[in-house]
């Protein structure tokens, strides 16, 4: 196999690994740091929303919860896109690629929640695995729709 072909095969998996490291980094943050980051992002989004809908009654706590859960969804949506792309570049096609991509994402989501059991102030939540899995499924669908 030529160097160019090896690079084409290796590069997508490197992106998957880097994305997983990013997820791990966010999950390794103690609850205090994670909350600060989340509330900072939520405040920016709330300011943006308030510019377009002045006088809207937004609760920081409720809105922060929505932002956090959407972050789970979007991060795993992107993970699934990277994994699915890497599988296709590895010449794994059809339903096998879909099930394998979903399996990798779900297993990583489960391992991520287990990891959080060992982070101060954090803990595993089964509903986050479901949110992550839904994001992964949508990511695969988005990839398939866009690639057609």
N, C-alpha and C. Protein backbone atom coordinates (compact mmCIF):
# COMPACT_ATOMS: atom_id res chain seq x y z
N UNK A 1 0.85 -1.18 0.00
CA UNK A 1 0.00 0.00 0.00
C UNK A 1 0.90 1.24 0.00
N UNK A 2 0.58 2.18 -0.88
CA UNK A 2 1.40 3.39 -0.99
C UNK A 2 1.23 4.29 0.23
N UNK A 3 2.17 5.18 0.39
CA UNK A 3 2.14 6.14 1.50
C UNK A 3 0.88 6.98 1.44
N UNK A 4 0.49 7.41 0.25
CA UNK A 4 -0.70 8.24 0.06
C UNK A 4 -1.96 7.49 0.51
N UNK A 5 -2.08 6.23 0.14
CA UNK A 5 -3.25 5.43 0.52
C UNK A 5 -3.29 5.19 2.03
N UNK A 6 -2.12 4.98 2.62
CA UNK A 6 -2.05 4.80 4.08
C UNK A 6 -2.50 6.07 4.79
N UNK A 7 -2.08 7.22 4.27
CA UNK A 7 -2.46 8.50 4.86
C UNK A 7 -3.97 8.72 4.76
N UNK A 8 -4.53 8.39 3.61
CA UNK A 8 -5.98 8.53 3.42
C UNK A 8 -6.74 7.65 4.41
N UNK A 9 -6.22 6.49 4.70
CA UNK A 9 -6.84 5.58 5.66
C UNK A 9 -6.61 6.05 7.10
N UNK A 10 -5.42 6.55 7.41
CA UNK A 10 -5.04 6.93 8.77
C UNK A 10 -5.68 8.24 9.22
N UNK A 11 -5.72 9.25 8.36
CA UNK A 11 -6.15 10.59 8.73
C UNK A 11 -7.57 10.63 9.32
N UNK A 12 -8.57 9.99 8.70
CA UNK A 12 -9.92 10.03 9.30
C UNK A 12 -9.96 9.41 10.70
N UNK A 13 -9.19 8.35 10.92
CA UNK A 13 -9.18 7.73 12.26
C UNK A 13 -8.47 8.62 13.27
N UNK A 14 -7.51 9.42 12.80
CA UNK A 14 -6.85 10.37 13.68
C UNK A 14 -7.84 11.44 14.13
N UNK A 15 -8.69 11.89 13.24
CA UNK A 15 -9.72 12.86 13.61
C UNK A 15 -10.66 12.25 14.65
N UNK A 16 -11.05 11.00 14.45
CA UNK A 16 -11.91 10.30 15.43
C UNK A 16 -11.22 10.29 16.79
N UNK A 17 -9.97 9.93 16.82
CA UNK A 17 -9.23 9.87 18.08
C UNK A 17 -9.15 11.24 18.74
N UNK A 18 -8.87 12.27 17.98
CA UNK A 18 -8.79 13.62 18.53
C UNK A 18 -10.15 14.07 19.08
N UNK A 19 -11.22 13.74 18.37
CA UNK A 19 -12.56 14.10 18.83
C UNK A 19 -12.89 13.38 20.14
N UNK A 20 -12.51 12.10 20.22
CA UNK A 20 -12.73 11.34 21.46
C UNK A 20 -11.92 11.94 22.61
N UNK A 21 -10.71 12.41 22.31
CA UNK A 21 -9.90 13.05 23.34
C UNK A 21 -10.55 14.34 23.82
N UNK A 22 -11.18 15.08 22.91
CA UNK A 22 -11.89 16.30 23.29
C UNK A 22 -13.05 15.96 24.23
N UNK A 23 -13.82 14.93 23.88
CA UNK A 23 -14.92 14.49 24.74
C UNK A 23 -14.38 14.09 26.11
N UNK A 24 -13.30 13.32 26.12
CA UNK A 24 -12.69 12.89 27.38
C UNK A 24 -12.27 14.11 28.22
N UNK A 25 -11.68 15.10 27.56
CA UNK A 25 -11.24 16.31 28.26
C UNK A 25 -12.41 17.01 28.94
N UNK A 26 -13.52 17.17 28.22
CA UNK A 26 -14.69 17.82 28.83
C UNK A 26 -15.24 16.99 29.98
N UNK A 27 -15.24 15.68 29.83
CA UNK A 27 -15.77 14.80 30.89
C UNK A 27 -14.86 14.74 32.10
N UNK A 28 -13.58 15.02 31.92
CA UNK A 28 -12.63 14.96 33.03
C UNK A 28 -12.66 16.21 33.90
N UNK A 29 -13.38 17.23 33.45
CA UNK A 29 -13.46 18.45 34.24
C UNK A 29 -14.31 18.22 35.47
N UNK A 30 -13.81 18.61 36.65
CA UNK A 30 -14.65 18.53 37.84
C UNK A 30 -15.92 19.36 37.64
N UNK A 31 -16.96 19.03 38.37
CA UNK A 31 -18.27 19.67 38.21
C UNK A 31 -18.17 21.20 38.27
N UNK A 32 -17.34 21.72 39.17
CA UNK A 32 -17.21 23.17 39.33
C UNK A 32 -16.73 23.81 38.03
N UNK A 33 -15.71 23.24 37.41
CA UNK A 33 -15.17 23.80 36.17
C UNK A 33 -16.15 23.61 35.01
N UNK A 34 -16.77 22.45 34.96
CA UNK A 34 -17.74 22.16 33.91
C UNK A 34 -18.92 23.13 33.99
N UNK A 35 -19.38 23.38 35.21
CA UNK A 35 -20.50 24.32 35.40
C UNK A 35 -20.12 25.73 34.96
N UNK A 36 -18.90 26.16 35.28
CA UNK A 36 -18.45 27.50 34.88
C UNK A 36 -18.42 27.62 33.36
N UNK A 37 -17.88 26.63 32.70
CA UNK A 37 -17.82 26.65 31.24
C UNK A 37 -19.22 26.65 30.65
N UNK A 38 -20.07 25.77 31.16
CA UNK A 38 -21.43 25.66 30.65
C UNK A 38 -22.22 26.95 30.86
N UNK A 39 -22.11 27.52 32.04
CA UNK A 39 -22.84 28.77 32.32
C UNK A 39 -22.31 29.93 31.47
N UNK A 40 -21.02 29.92 31.19
CA UNK A 40 -20.46 30.95 30.31
C UNK A 40 -21.04 30.85 28.91
N UNK A 41 -21.09 29.64 28.38
CA UNK A 41 -21.68 29.43 27.06
C UNK A 41 -23.16 29.78 27.08
N UNK A 42 -23.86 29.36 28.14
CA UNK A 42 -25.29 29.65 28.26
C UNK A 42 -25.55 31.15 28.29
N UNK A 43 -24.72 31.90 29.01
CA UNK A 43 -24.89 33.35 29.09
C UNK A 43 -24.75 34.00 27.72
N UNK A 44 -23.78 33.54 26.94
CA UNK A 44 -23.59 34.08 25.59
C UNK A 44 -24.81 33.78 24.72
N UNK A 45 -25.30 32.55 24.80
CA UNK A 45 -26.48 32.17 24.01
C UNK A 45 -27.71 32.96 24.46
N UNK A 46 -27.86 33.12 25.79
CA UNK A 46 -29.00 33.88 26.31
C UNK A 46 -28.95 35.33 25.83
N UNK A 47 -27.78 35.95 25.83
CA UNK A 47 -27.64 37.32 25.33
C UNK A 47 -28.04 37.40 23.87
N UNK A 48 -27.62 36.41 23.09
CA UNK A 48 -27.96 36.37 21.67
C UNK A 48 -29.48 36.26 21.49
N UNK A 49 -30.10 35.34 22.24
CA UNK A 49 -31.55 35.15 22.14
C UNK A 49 -32.29 36.42 22.55
N UNK A 50 -31.82 37.06 23.62
CA UNK A 50 -32.49 38.26 24.13
C UNK A 50 -32.43 39.43 23.14
N UNK A 51 -31.42 39.43 22.28
CA UNK A 51 -31.34 40.48 21.26
C UNK A 51 -32.45 40.35 20.23
N UNK A 52 -32.83 39.12 19.95
CA UNK A 52 -33.86 38.87 18.94
C UNK A 52 -35.26 38.77 19.52
N UNK A 53 -35.34 38.39 20.79
CA UNK A 53 -36.63 38.27 21.46
C UNK A 53 -36.54 39.01 22.80
N UNK A 54 -36.57 40.35 22.74
CA UNK A 54 -36.45 41.11 23.99
C UNK A 54 -37.62 40.82 24.93
N UNK A 55 -37.31 40.79 26.21
CA UNK A 55 -38.35 40.56 27.21
C UNK A 55 -38.68 39.10 27.43
N UNK A 56 -38.01 38.20 26.71
CA UNK A 56 -38.28 36.78 26.89
C UNK A 56 -37.80 36.36 28.27
N UNK A 57 -38.64 35.61 28.96
CA UNK A 57 -38.32 35.18 30.32
C UNK A 57 -37.54 33.88 30.26
N UNK A 58 -36.22 33.98 30.48
CA UNK A 58 -35.36 32.80 30.44
C UNK A 58 -34.75 32.58 31.83
N UNK A 59 -34.86 31.36 32.30
CA UNK A 59 -34.22 30.97 33.55
C UNK A 59 -32.85 30.41 33.23
N UNK A 60 -31.82 30.95 33.88
CA UNK A 60 -30.45 30.49 33.64
C UNK A 60 -30.33 29.00 33.90
N UNK A 61 -30.91 28.51 34.99
CA UNK A 61 -30.79 27.09 35.34
C UNK A 61 -31.44 26.19 34.29
N UNK A 62 -32.67 26.54 33.90
CA UNK A 62 -33.37 25.71 32.91
C UNK A 62 -32.68 25.79 31.55
N UNK A 63 -32.29 26.98 31.16
CA UNK A 63 -31.65 27.15 29.86
C UNK A 63 -30.29 26.47 29.84
N UNK A 64 -29.56 26.53 30.97
CA UNK A 64 -28.26 25.86 31.06
C UNK A 64 -28.42 24.35 30.88
N UNK A 65 -29.48 23.80 31.46
CA UNK A 65 -29.74 22.36 31.32
C UNK A 65 -29.96 22.02 29.84
N UNK A 66 -30.72 22.84 29.14
CA UNK A 66 -30.98 22.62 27.71
C UNK A 66 -29.68 22.72 26.91
N UNK A 67 -28.86 23.70 27.23
CA UNK A 67 -27.58 23.88 26.53
C UNK A 67 -26.69 22.66 26.75
N UNK A 68 -26.62 22.17 28.00
CA UNK A 68 -25.78 21.00 28.31
C UNK A 68 -26.24 19.76 27.52
N UNK A 69 -27.53 19.51 27.50
CA UNK A 69 -28.04 18.32 26.82
C UNK A 69 -27.87 18.44 25.31
N UNK A 70 -28.02 19.65 24.79
CA UNK A 70 -27.78 19.85 23.36
C UNK A 70 -26.30 19.68 23.02
N UNK A 71 -25.43 20.06 23.95
CA UNK A 71 -23.99 19.85 23.73
C UNK A 71 -23.69 18.36 23.62
N UNK A 72 -24.30 17.55 24.50
CA UNK A 72 -24.13 16.09 24.41
C UNK A 72 -24.54 15.61 23.02
N UNK A 73 -25.72 16.02 22.61
CA UNK A 73 -26.27 15.60 21.32
C UNK A 73 -25.34 15.98 20.17
N UNK A 74 -24.90 17.23 20.14
CA UNK A 74 -24.09 17.72 19.03
C UNK A 74 -22.68 17.13 19.02
N UNK A 75 -22.11 16.91 20.19
CA UNK A 75 -20.76 16.34 20.25
C UNK A 75 -20.77 14.91 19.71
N UNK A 76 -21.81 14.15 20.05
CA UNK A 76 -21.89 12.78 19.54
C UNK A 76 -22.39 12.72 18.11
N UNK A 77 -23.14 13.72 17.68
CA UNK A 77 -23.50 13.82 16.27
C UNK A 77 -22.22 13.94 15.45
N UNK A 78 -21.31 14.81 15.88
CA UNK A 78 -20.04 14.98 15.18
C UNK A 78 -19.17 13.74 15.28
N UNK A 79 -19.14 13.09 16.45
CA UNK A 79 -18.36 11.87 16.59
C UNK A 79 -18.84 10.83 15.58
N UNK A 80 -20.14 10.68 15.44
CA UNK A 80 -20.68 9.69 14.50
C UNK A 80 -20.31 10.04 13.06
N UNK A 81 -20.34 11.30 12.73
CA UNK A 81 -19.94 11.71 11.38
C UNK A 81 -18.49 11.32 11.12
N UNK A 82 -17.60 11.62 12.07
CA UNK A 82 -16.18 11.28 11.91
C UNK A 82 -15.98 9.77 11.84
N UNK A 83 -16.65 9.02 12.73
CA UNK A 83 -16.50 7.56 12.75
C UNK A 83 -17.03 6.96 11.46
N UNK A 84 -18.21 7.39 11.04
CA UNK A 84 -18.82 6.85 9.81
C UNK A 84 -17.92 7.14 8.61
N UNK A 85 -17.39 8.35 8.54
CA UNK A 85 -16.49 8.72 7.45
C UNK A 85 -15.24 7.84 7.46
N UNK A 86 -14.68 7.63 8.65
CA UNK A 86 -13.47 6.79 8.77
C UNK A 86 -13.76 5.35 8.34
N UNK A 87 -14.93 4.85 8.70
CA UNK A 87 -15.30 3.49 8.29
C UNK A 87 -15.42 3.39 6.77
N UNK A 88 -16.04 4.39 6.16
CA UNK A 88 -16.17 4.37 4.71
C UNK A 88 -14.81 4.45 4.02
N UNK A 89 -13.92 5.27 4.57
CA UNK A 89 -12.57 5.36 4.01
C UNK A 89 -11.81 4.04 4.21
N UNK A 90 -12.22 3.28 5.23
CA UNK A 90 -11.61 1.96 5.49
C UNK A 90 -12.30 0.87 4.68
N UNK A 91 -13.18 1.29 3.78
CA UNK A 91 -13.91 0.39 2.88
C UNK A 91 -14.86 -0.55 3.61
N UNK A 92 -15.51 -0.01 4.63
CA UNK A 92 -16.58 -0.73 5.32
C UNK A 92 -17.86 -0.02 4.96
N UNK A 93 -18.74 -0.71 4.24
CA UNK A 93 -19.92 -0.08 3.66
C UNK A 93 -21.21 -0.73 4.14
N UNK A 94 -22.32 -0.13 3.69
CA UNK A 94 -23.64 -0.69 3.92
C UNK A 94 -24.07 -0.64 5.38
N UNK A 95 -24.98 -1.56 5.71
CA UNK A 95 -25.48 -1.60 7.08
C UNK A 95 -24.38 -1.90 8.09
N UNK A 96 -23.37 -2.61 7.64
CA UNK A 96 -22.26 -2.92 8.54
C UNK A 96 -21.61 -1.62 9.05
N UNK A 97 -21.42 -0.65 8.17
CA UNK A 97 -20.82 0.62 8.58
C UNK A 97 -21.74 1.39 9.52
N UNK A 98 -23.04 1.33 9.27
CA UNK A 98 -24.00 2.03 10.14
C UNK A 98 -23.98 1.42 11.54
N UNK A 99 -24.10 0.10 11.61
CA UNK A 99 -24.13 -0.56 12.92
C UNK A 99 -22.80 -0.42 13.66
N UNK A 100 -21.71 -0.50 12.92
CA UNK A 100 -20.39 -0.36 13.55
C UNK A 100 -20.20 1.06 14.07
N UNK A 101 -20.59 2.06 13.30
CA UNK A 101 -20.47 3.45 13.74
C UNK A 101 -21.33 3.69 14.98
N UNK A 102 -22.56 3.20 14.94
CA UNK A 102 -23.44 3.35 16.12
C UNK A 102 -22.85 2.63 17.32
N UNK A 103 -22.35 1.43 17.11
CA UNK A 103 -21.76 0.66 18.21
C UNK A 103 -20.58 1.37 18.84
N UNK A 104 -19.70 1.90 18.00
CA UNK A 104 -18.53 2.63 18.53
C UNK A 104 -18.98 3.84 19.34
N UNK A 105 -19.94 4.59 18.81
CA UNK A 105 -20.41 5.79 19.50
C UNK A 105 -21.11 5.45 20.82
N UNK A 106 -21.95 4.42 20.80
CA UNK A 106 -22.66 4.04 22.02
C UNK A 106 -21.69 3.52 23.07
N UNK A 107 -20.75 2.69 22.66
CA UNK A 107 -19.76 2.19 23.62
C UNK A 107 -18.92 3.33 24.20
N UNK A 108 -18.58 4.31 23.36
CA UNK A 108 -17.81 5.44 23.87
C UNK A 108 -18.66 6.28 24.82
N UNK A 109 -19.94 6.44 24.51
CA UNK A 109 -20.83 7.19 25.40
C UNK A 109 -20.94 6.50 26.76
N UNK A 110 -21.06 5.18 26.75
CA UNK A 110 -21.14 4.42 28.00
C UNK A 110 -19.83 4.57 28.78
N UNK A 111 -18.70 4.41 28.09
CA UNK A 111 -17.41 4.54 28.78
C UNK A 111 -17.21 5.95 29.32
N UNK A 112 -17.72 6.94 28.60
CA UNK A 112 -17.64 8.33 29.03
C UNK A 112 -18.42 8.56 30.33
N UNK A 113 -19.61 7.97 30.40
CA UNK A 113 -20.42 8.11 31.62
C UNK A 113 -19.77 7.38 32.80
N UNK A 114 -19.20 6.21 32.54
CA UNK A 114 -18.48 5.49 33.60
C UNK A 114 -17.29 6.33 34.08
N UNK A 115 -16.57 6.92 33.14
CA UNK A 115 -15.44 7.78 33.47
C UNK A 115 -15.87 8.91 34.41
N UNK A 116 -17.05 9.49 34.16
CA UNK A 116 -17.53 10.61 34.98
C UNK A 116 -17.81 10.19 36.42
N UNK A 117 -17.99 8.90 36.67
CA UNK A 117 -18.20 8.43 38.04
C UNK A 117 -16.96 8.68 38.90
N UNK A 118 -15.81 8.86 38.27
CA UNK A 118 -14.56 9.05 38.99
C UNK A 118 -14.09 10.51 39.00
N UNK A 119 -14.93 11.41 38.47
CA UNK A 119 -14.58 12.83 38.41
C UNK A 119 -15.33 13.56 39.53
N UNK A 120 -14.61 14.37 40.33
CA UNK A 120 -15.26 15.06 41.46
C UNK A 120 -16.51 15.84 41.06
N UNK A 121 -17.59 15.56 41.76
CA UNK A 121 -18.85 16.26 41.54
C UNK A 121 -19.65 15.79 40.34
N UNK A 122 -19.13 14.85 39.60
CA UNK A 122 -19.83 14.36 38.41
C UNK A 122 -20.31 12.94 38.67
N UNK A 123 -21.16 12.46 37.82
CA UNK A 123 -21.64 11.10 37.95
C UNK A 123 -22.25 10.62 36.65
N UNK A 124 -22.35 9.31 36.47
CA UNK A 124 -22.92 8.77 35.24
C UNK A 124 -24.43 8.97 35.19
N UNK A 125 -24.92 9.25 34.00
CA UNK A 125 -26.36 9.40 33.79
C UNK A 125 -26.77 8.62 32.54
N UNK A 126 -27.67 7.67 32.73
CA UNK A 126 -28.14 6.85 31.63
C UNK A 126 -28.80 7.69 30.55
N UNK A 127 -29.52 8.74 30.96
CA UNK A 127 -30.20 9.57 29.95
C UNK A 127 -29.20 10.25 29.03
N UNK A 128 -27.98 10.54 29.53
CA UNK A 128 -26.96 11.13 28.66
C UNK A 128 -26.51 10.14 27.59
N UNK A 129 -26.45 8.86 27.93
CA UNK A 129 -26.11 7.84 26.92
C UNK A 129 -27.18 7.82 25.84
N UNK A 130 -28.44 7.95 26.22
CA UNK A 130 -29.52 7.98 25.22
C UNK A 130 -29.44 9.23 24.35
N UNK A 131 -29.13 10.37 24.98
CA UNK A 131 -28.99 11.62 24.21
C UNK A 131 -27.81 11.51 23.26
N UNK A 132 -26.69 10.98 23.76
CA UNK A 132 -25.50 10.79 22.92
C UNK A 132 -25.81 9.85 21.75
N UNK A 133 -26.52 8.78 22.02
CA UNK A 133 -26.87 7.80 20.98
C UNK A 133 -27.79 8.42 19.94
N UNK A 134 -28.74 9.24 20.38
CA UNK A 134 -29.62 9.92 19.44
C UNK A 134 -28.82 10.87 18.55
N UNK A 135 -27.87 11.58 19.15
CA UNK A 135 -27.00 12.45 18.37
C UNK A 135 -26.20 11.67 17.34
N UNK A 136 -25.69 10.51 17.75
CA UNK A 136 -24.92 9.67 16.83
C UNK A 136 -25.78 9.21 15.66
N UNK A 137 -26.99 8.78 15.95
CA UNK A 137 -27.89 8.33 14.89
C UNK A 137 -28.18 9.46 13.90
N UNK A 138 -28.47 10.64 14.42
CA UNK A 138 -28.73 11.79 13.55
C UNK A 138 -27.48 12.13 12.74
N UNK A 139 -26.30 12.02 13.35
CA UNK A 139 -25.05 12.28 12.64
C UNK A 139 -24.87 11.37 11.44
N UNK A 140 -25.17 10.10 11.62
CA UNK A 140 -25.05 9.15 10.51
C UNK A 140 -26.05 9.49 9.41
N UNK A 141 -27.28 9.81 9.80
CA UNK A 141 -28.30 10.17 8.81
C UNK A 141 -27.87 11.43 8.06
N UNK A 142 -27.38 12.43 8.78
CA UNK A 142 -26.92 13.68 8.14
C UNK A 142 -25.80 13.37 7.15
N UNK A 143 -24.85 12.53 7.55
CA UNK A 143 -23.74 12.17 6.65
C UNK A 143 -24.28 11.52 5.38
N UNK A 144 -25.20 10.57 5.56
CA UNK A 144 -25.73 9.85 4.40
C UNK A 144 -26.51 10.78 3.48
N UNK A 145 -27.28 11.71 4.05
CA UNK A 145 -28.07 12.64 3.24
C UNK A 145 -27.16 13.60 2.49
N UNK A 146 -26.18 14.15 3.18
CA UNK A 146 -25.29 15.12 2.54
C UNK A 146 -24.41 14.47 1.47
N UNK A 147 -24.00 13.23 1.71
CA UNK A 147 -23.09 12.57 0.77
C UNK A 147 -23.79 12.10 -0.51
N UNK A 148 -25.11 12.16 -0.55
CA UNK A 148 -25.82 11.75 -1.77
C UNK A 148 -25.84 12.85 -2.73
